[in-house]
Protein backbone atom coordinates (compact mmCIF):
# COMPACT_ATOMS: atom_id res chain seq x y z
CA MET A 1 0.01 -0.01 0.03
CA ALA A 2 1.20 3.45 -0.95
CA SER A 3 2.40 5.70 1.97
CA LEU A 4 0.54 8.86 2.93
CA LYS A 5 3.31 10.94 1.41
CA GLU A 6 3.20 9.01 -1.94
CA LEU A 7 -0.63 9.42 -1.97
CA LYS A 8 -0.47 13.19 -1.32
CA GLY A 9 2.19 13.60 -4.06
CA ARG A 10 0.01 11.75 -6.60
CA ILE A 11 -3.11 13.94 -5.64
CA ASN A 12 -0.92 17.01 -6.24
CA SER A 13 0.30 15.64 -9.48
CA VAL A 14 -3.06 14.87 -10.76
CA LYS A 15 -4.38 18.29 -9.68
CA SER A 16 -1.61 19.92 -11.62
CA THR A 17 -2.39 17.86 -14.76
CA GLN A 18 -6.15 18.71 -14.31
CA LYS A 19 -5.30 22.43 -14.43
CA ILE A 20 -3.41 22.00 -17.61
CA THR A 21 -6.15 20.06 -19.35
CA LYS A 22 -8.75 22.51 -18.22
CA ALA A 23 -6.77 25.48 -19.58
CA LYS A 24 -6.25 23.52 -22.81
CA LYS A 25 -9.93 22.90 -23.06
CA MET A 26 -10.74 26.70 -22.67
CA VAL A 27 -8.18 27.63 -25.24
CA ALA A 28 -9.56 25.05 -27.74
CA ALA A 29 -13.06 26.21 -27.09
CA ALA A 30 -12.08 29.91 -27.88
CA LYS A 31 -10.18 28.92 -31.10
CA LEU A 32 -12.93 26.63 -32.27
CA ARG A 33 -15.44 29.56 -32.77
CA LYS A 34 -13.14 31.25 -35.16
CA ALA A 35 -12.10 27.94 -36.96
CA GLN A 36 -15.67 26.82 -37.38
CA ALA A 37 -16.86 30.14 -38.79
CA ALA A 38 -13.96 30.06 -41.36
CA ALA A 39 -14.71 26.40 -42.41
CA GLU A 40 -18.41 27.02 -42.73
CA ALA A 41 -17.81 30.23 -44.74
CA ALA A 42 -15.50 28.40 -47.18
CA ARG A 43 -17.95 25.46 -47.89
CA PRO A 44 -20.38 27.15 -50.20
CA TYR A 45 -17.64 28.52 -52.47
CA ALA A 46 -15.62 25.32 -52.57
CA GLU A 47 -18.79 23.20 -53.29
CA ARG A 48 -20.08 25.64 -55.97
CA LEU A 49 -16.78 25.81 -57.70
CA GLU A 50 -16.59 22.07 -57.74
CA GLY A 51 -20.09 21.88 -59.13
CA VAL A 52 -19.24 24.46 -61.85
CA VAL A 53 -16.07 22.54 -62.82
CA ALA A 54 -18.01 19.29 -62.92
CA SER A 55 -20.63 20.89 -65.09
CA LEU A 56 -18.12 22.27 -67.49
CA ALA A 57 -16.18 18.88 -67.53
CA SER A 58 -19.34 16.94 -68.49
CA LYS A 59 -19.63 19.27 -71.62
CA VAL A 60 -16.07 18.97 -72.57
CA GLY A 61 -15.76 15.26 -71.83
CA ALA A 62 -12.50 13.46 -72.97
CA ALA A 63 -11.89 15.78 -75.89
CA ASP A 64 -8.29 16.06 -77.06
CA SER A 65 -8.34 19.81 -76.21
CA ALA A 66 -9.34 19.13 -72.71
CA PRO A 67 -6.90 20.28 -69.87
CA ALA A 68 -4.65 17.62 -68.35
CA LEU A 69 -6.24 18.26 -64.91
CA LEU A 70 -9.51 17.16 -66.32
CA SER A 71 -8.63 14.50 -68.90
CA GLY A 72 -5.98 12.74 -66.82
CA THR A 73 -3.01 10.88 -68.09
CA GLY A 74 -5.04 8.12 -69.68
CA LYS A 75 -3.99 5.58 -67.03
CA SER A 76 -4.24 5.09 -63.20
CA ASP A 77 -1.09 3.27 -62.34
CA THR A 78 0.31 5.70 -59.75
CA HIS A 79 -1.87 7.28 -57.03
CA LEU A 80 -0.81 10.30 -54.79
CA LEU A 81 -2.34 10.52 -51.43
CA LEU A 82 -2.32 14.06 -50.06
CA VAL A 83 -2.85 13.56 -46.19
CA LEU A 84 -3.54 16.69 -44.18
CA ASN A 85 -2.56 16.40 -40.46
CA SER A 86 -1.70 18.75 -37.74
CA ASP A 87 1.58 19.47 -35.81
CA ARG A 88 0.07 19.19 -32.35
CA GLY A 89 -1.34 16.34 -30.27
CA LEU A 90 -3.77 16.16 -27.42
CA ALA A 91 -6.66 16.04 -29.90
CA GLY A 92 -7.95 12.62 -29.34
CA ALA A 93 -8.36 10.51 -32.46
CA PHE A 94 -8.29 13.43 -34.81
CA ASN A 95 -4.92 12.62 -36.56
CA SER A 96 -5.22 8.93 -36.34
CA ASN A 97 -8.66 8.84 -38.03
CA ILE A 98 -7.22 10.71 -41.06
CA VAL A 99 -4.28 8.38 -41.22
CA LYS A 100 -6.45 5.38 -40.91
CA ALA A 101 -8.67 6.51 -43.88
CA ALA A 102 -5.51 7.15 -45.88
CA ARG A 103 -3.99 3.86 -44.98
CA ASP A 104 -7.22 2.05 -45.96
CA LYS A 105 -7.30 3.66 -49.36
CA ALA A 106 -3.51 2.94 -49.86
CA LEU A 107 -4.03 -0.79 -49.08
CA GLU A 108 -7.06 -0.98 -51.29
CA LEU A 109 -5.09 0.64 -54.20
CA GLN A 110 -2.09 -1.66 -53.55
CA ALA A 111 -4.24 -4.73 -53.53
CA ALA A 112 -5.56 -3.65 -57.05
CA GLY A 113 -1.88 -3.51 -58.31
CA LYS A 114 -1.45 0.23 -58.16
CA LYS A 115 1.54 2.16 -56.93
CA VAL A 116 0.97 4.52 -54.10
CA ILE A 117 3.03 7.55 -53.00
CA PHE A 118 2.27 10.16 -50.26
CA PHE A 119 2.38 13.87 -49.82
CA LEU A 120 2.21 14.51 -46.07
CA VAL A 121 1.15 17.84 -44.59
CA GLY A 122 1.84 18.25 -40.91
CA ARG A 123 4.05 16.05 -38.79
CA LYS A 124 1.70 13.97 -36.68
CA GLY A 125 0.85 11.56 -39.48
CA ARG A 126 4.41 11.02 -40.68
CA PRO A 127 5.69 8.31 -38.24
CA VAL A 128 2.71 6.10 -38.81
CA ILE A 129 2.77 6.47 -42.70
CA ASN A 130 6.48 5.96 -42.88
CA ARG A 131 6.34 2.97 -40.82
CA LEU A 132 3.41 1.32 -42.63
CA PHE A 133 4.66 2.38 -46.14
CA PRO A 134 8.43 2.81 -45.89
CA GLY A 135 9.99 4.68 -48.81
CA GLN A 136 6.70 5.80 -50.23
CA THR A 137 6.49 9.31 -49.06
CA ASN A 138 7.31 11.53 -52.05
CA GLU A 139 6.82 15.00 -50.42
CA ASN A 140 6.47 16.55 -46.82
CA TYR A 141 5.04 20.00 -46.17
CA ASP A 142 6.26 21.50 -42.87
CA THR A 143 3.68 23.55 -41.00
CA THR A 144 5.75 23.99 -37.87
CA GLY A 145 5.69 27.45 -36.67
CA ILE A 146 2.65 28.41 -38.75
CA ARG A 147 0.13 29.84 -36.27
CA ASP A 148 -2.82 30.06 -38.55
CA ILE A 149 -2.53 28.04 -41.76
CA GLY A 150 -4.42 29.63 -44.54
CA PHE A 151 -4.75 30.19 -48.33
CA ASP A 152 -1.04 30.99 -48.85
CA GLN A 153 -0.12 27.54 -47.58
CA ALA A 154 -2.97 25.85 -49.66
CA HIS A 155 -1.73 27.58 -52.66
CA GLU A 156 1.87 26.38 -52.06
CA ILE A 157 0.69 22.77 -51.46
CA ALA A 158 -1.59 22.72 -54.53
CA ALA A 159 1.16 24.26 -56.66
CA LYS A 160 3.52 21.39 -55.57
CA VAL A 161 0.88 18.70 -56.20
CA MET A 162 0.26 20.11 -59.72
CA GLU A 163 4.02 20.43 -60.40
CA LEU A 164 4.35 16.64 -59.58
CA TYR A 165 1.43 15.93 -61.84
CA GLU A 166 2.85 17.80 -64.71
CA ALA A 167 6.12 15.95 -64.13
CA GLY A 168 4.40 12.71 -64.47
CA ALA A 169 4.97 11.55 -60.95
CA PHE A 170 1.46 10.31 -60.53
CA ASP A 171 -1.80 9.70 -62.41
CA VAL A 172 -4.45 10.26 -59.76
CA ALA A 173 -4.45 12.33 -56.64
CA HIS A 174 -6.63 11.92 -53.51
CA LEU A 175 -7.08 14.43 -50.70
CA PHE A 176 -7.69 13.20 -47.07
CA TYR A 177 -8.75 15.54 -44.16
CA SER A 178 -11.17 15.58 -41.33
CA LYS A 179 -14.54 17.15 -42.03
CA PHE A 180 -16.00 19.18 -39.23
CA ARG A 181 -19.57 18.25 -38.19
CA SER A 182 -19.63 19.45 -34.59
CA ALA A 183 -17.37 19.79 -31.61
CA LEU A 184 -18.16 16.08 -30.85
CA VAL A 185 -18.06 14.58 -34.40
CA GLN A 186 -15.28 14.96 -36.90
CA GLU A 187 -15.45 12.75 -40.07
CA ALA A 188 -12.33 11.57 -41.86
CA THR A 189 -12.90 12.27 -45.46
CA GLY A 190 -11.19 11.31 -48.76
CA GLN A 191 -11.94 12.83 -52.22
CA GLN A 192 -10.41 12.53 -55.67
CA LEU A 193 -8.51 15.77 -56.50
CA ILE A 194 -6.88 15.02 -59.84
CA PRO A 195 -8.21 14.46 -62.43
CA VAL A 196 -11.57 16.03 -61.62
CA PRO A 197 -14.06 13.19 -61.20
CA ALA A 198 -16.90 13.01 -63.59
CA PRO A 199 -20.23 13.90 -62.04
CA GLU A 200 -22.29 10.89 -60.70
CA GLU A 201 -25.33 12.03 -62.63
CA ALA A 202 -25.98 14.65 -65.30
CA PRO A 203 -27.22 17.99 -64.02
CA ALA A 204 -30.83 18.64 -64.55
CA SER A 205 -31.52 20.67 -67.62
CA SER A 206 -33.28 24.01 -67.04
CA GLY A 207 -34.42 24.26 -70.67
CA ALA A 208 -32.15 27.14 -71.42
CA ALA A 209 -29.17 26.92 -73.58
CA VAL A 210 -25.86 28.18 -72.00
CA GLU A 211 -23.14 29.46 -74.06
CA TYR A 212 -19.65 30.08 -72.48
CA GLU A 213 -17.38 32.84 -73.60
CA PRO A 214 -14.57 31.97 -74.14
CA GLY A 215 -15.04 28.22 -74.77
CA GLU A 216 -15.27 25.56 -72.09
CA GLU A 217 -11.70 24.48 -72.57
CA GLU A 218 -10.39 28.03 -71.91
CA ILE A 219 -12.52 28.42 -68.91
CA LEU A 220 -11.45 24.99 -67.50
CA ALA A 221 -7.75 25.89 -67.99
CA ASP A 222 -8.15 28.71 -65.52
CA LEU A 223 -10.68 27.10 -63.07
CA LEU A 224 -9.01 23.70 -62.75
CA PRO A 225 -5.85 24.82 -61.01
CA ARG A 226 -8.02 27.22 -58.86
CA ASN A 227 -10.29 24.34 -57.95
CA VAL A 228 -7.35 22.25 -56.77
CA THR A 229 -6.15 25.19 -54.56
CA ILE A 230 -9.58 25.86 -53.19
CA GLN A 231 -10.25 22.12 -52.29
CA VAL A 232 -6.96 21.94 -50.55
CA PHE A 233 -7.78 25.25 -48.76
CA LYS A 234 -11.14 23.83 -47.69
CA GLY A 235 -9.50 20.64 -46.26
CA LEU A 236 -7.13 22.80 -44.22
CA LEU A 237 -9.99 24.85 -42.79
CA GLU A 238 -12.00 21.72 -42.07
CA ASN A 239 -9.02 20.23 -40.37
CA ALA A 240 -8.41 23.39 -38.26
CA ALA A 241 -12.02 23.34 -36.99
CA SER A 242 -11.92 19.55 -36.48
CA GLU A 243 -8.71 19.66 -34.49
CA GLN A 244 -10.07 22.29 -31.99
CA GLY A 245 -13.25 20.50 -31.67
CA ALA A 246 -11.44 17.17 -31.07
CA SER A 247 -9.02 18.84 -28.63
CA MET A 248 -11.86 20.49 -26.62
CA THR A 249 -13.64 17.18 -26.21
CA ALA A 250 -10.49 15.25 -25.42
CA MET A 251 -9.41 17.82 -22.82
CA ASP A 252 -12.96 17.92 -21.28
CA ASN A 253 -12.77 14.13 -20.92
CA ALA A 254 -9.27 14.31 -19.47
CA THR A 255 -10.38 16.91 -16.94
CA ARG A 256 -13.30 14.82 -15.89
CA ASN A 257 -11.19 11.70 -15.58
CA ALA A 258 -8.63 13.72 -13.52
CA GLY A 259 -11.46 14.81 -11.15
CA ASP A 260 -12.64 11.23 -10.70
CA LEU A 261 -9.01 10.15 -9.99
CA ILE A 262 -8.50 12.87 -7.44
CA ASN A 263 -11.65 11.79 -5.64
CA LYS A 264 -10.50 8.19 -5.54
CA LEU A 265 -7.02 8.98 -4.37
CA THR A 266 -8.53 11.42 -1.67
CA ILE A 267 -10.70 8.61 -0.34
CA GLN A 268 -7.76 6.31 -0.26
CA TYR A 269 -5.66 8.99 1.43
CA ASN A 270 -8.25 9.66 4.13
CA ARG A 271 -8.71 5.89 4.85
CA SER A 272 -4.87 5.40 5.07
CA ARG A 273 -4.63 8.43 7.35
CA GLN A 274 -7.55 7.22 9.45
CA ALA A 275 -5.85 3.82 9.74
CA ALA A 276 -2.55 5.42 10.71
CA ILE A 277 -4.22 7.59 13.39
CA THR A 278 -6.14 4.60 14.71
CA THR A 279 -2.90 2.56 14.85
CA GLU A 280 -1.15 5.37 16.85
CA LEU A 281 -4.08 5.58 19.26
CA VAL A 282 -4.05 1.90 19.87
CA GLU A 283 -0.31 1.99 20.61
CA ILE A 284 -0.71 4.90 22.94
CA ILE A 285 -3.55 3.12 24.89
CA SER A 286 -1.73 -0.03 24.93
CA GLY A 287 1.27 1.70 26.34
CA ALA A 288 -0.63 3.43 29.02
CA GLU A 289 -2.27 0.29 30.14
CA ALA A 290 1.07 -1.52 30.35
CA LEU A 291 2.27 1.13 32.88
């Protein structure tokens, strides 16, 4: 049985930890409001742009003049997995869920005989990916020291992805991030980034003929790179909100668990102290009776 001094030390240690987790929870809650607002504000633009590109793509089809980001390379032998993670921990299963989704996709592709390479953003996912798929990480984007990751970083990441595509490093690119649903729910999500996937169903006709000026090919040549950047930007914003939500929930649970542990240790400490006092009283009484 632990001594009274050891129990007292453990209680003080857990109380110190509880103060840290409570402060971390409050910080995450404050950051969540801003991150959630940014993610929700970006969704309509990203979704609408994706819809416009898909609509134009359905008109252009696989024409010889179609941009490479739309038509693809004509094969799907090599797949790039762009995995967005954070640099910080203490966020529950936030990072591990994204890595798991990317891992499952990579295993599925490899089982189909495809080659898989990785582009990793953030450092939390690197050790697991490098252990599971050694030598398959093609690029790393370091976000250490960036306080609020934003459009500039999304533009750099997207530019590097398109540079690799133009160099023939891969045929298909997939983006993995955590979609923010609420402070309690974050959904690991994967989507095809390059080439633009064909719409699942043809858009409903409104009965009006639409003519594009200039032609669809010229518009797509400008919109497709922008769409890649915007989709990466959306993923970064969703990740930022999901990270703060997961962190707030994890720290709340940790604070509650610390409180429960403090109560248990306090009861154990009081019982041990009572037993020690009782033993001392018995010894004093026994000594007095012996005189």
